[in-house]
Every structure is written in C-alpha cells, then in structure tokens.
Amino acid sequence: MGIPTEIRISKYKKSRFHTIWVNEELLAVVCYKKGALAIKQALLNALNAEVKYQPYCIPVHLI
C-alpha cells in the first residue's frame, strides 16, 4: 500500500496566501485557494487516486 500521504491546505491569517503541505513538509505557497486546490488535486491524481478518503482538515483561521 505504501506510505500514507496527507495533503492539506492552510491559509495565512489576514492574507490571501495559501500553503500546500505534504506529510508536514511545505510544498508550495500560492496566492489563491483555487490554485492550492488545483495543486492538491494534481497530487492526488498523481498518486493514482489510491487514497480512498480525505481526512477533514480544519482551516488555520478557525483554530
């Protein structure tokens, strides 16, 4: 099955920047959420959709 991969998106407070994290390692910083979601989807597609479900991640601004 391989190593479990967690891909999550968080948002910097009071800014438009979003970060994409893969297994607690920063992958990218983008200006818009739509771009962050596109990167996440591309990564999931590259993993051959092996992930059956996505654990719910609480946005940083709600913590």
Foldseek 3Di string as FASTA:
>chain_A
DDDDWAWDKEDDPPAQWIWIDIPNHTDDIDRHPVVSVVVVVVVCVVVVVPDPDHDDDDYPVVD
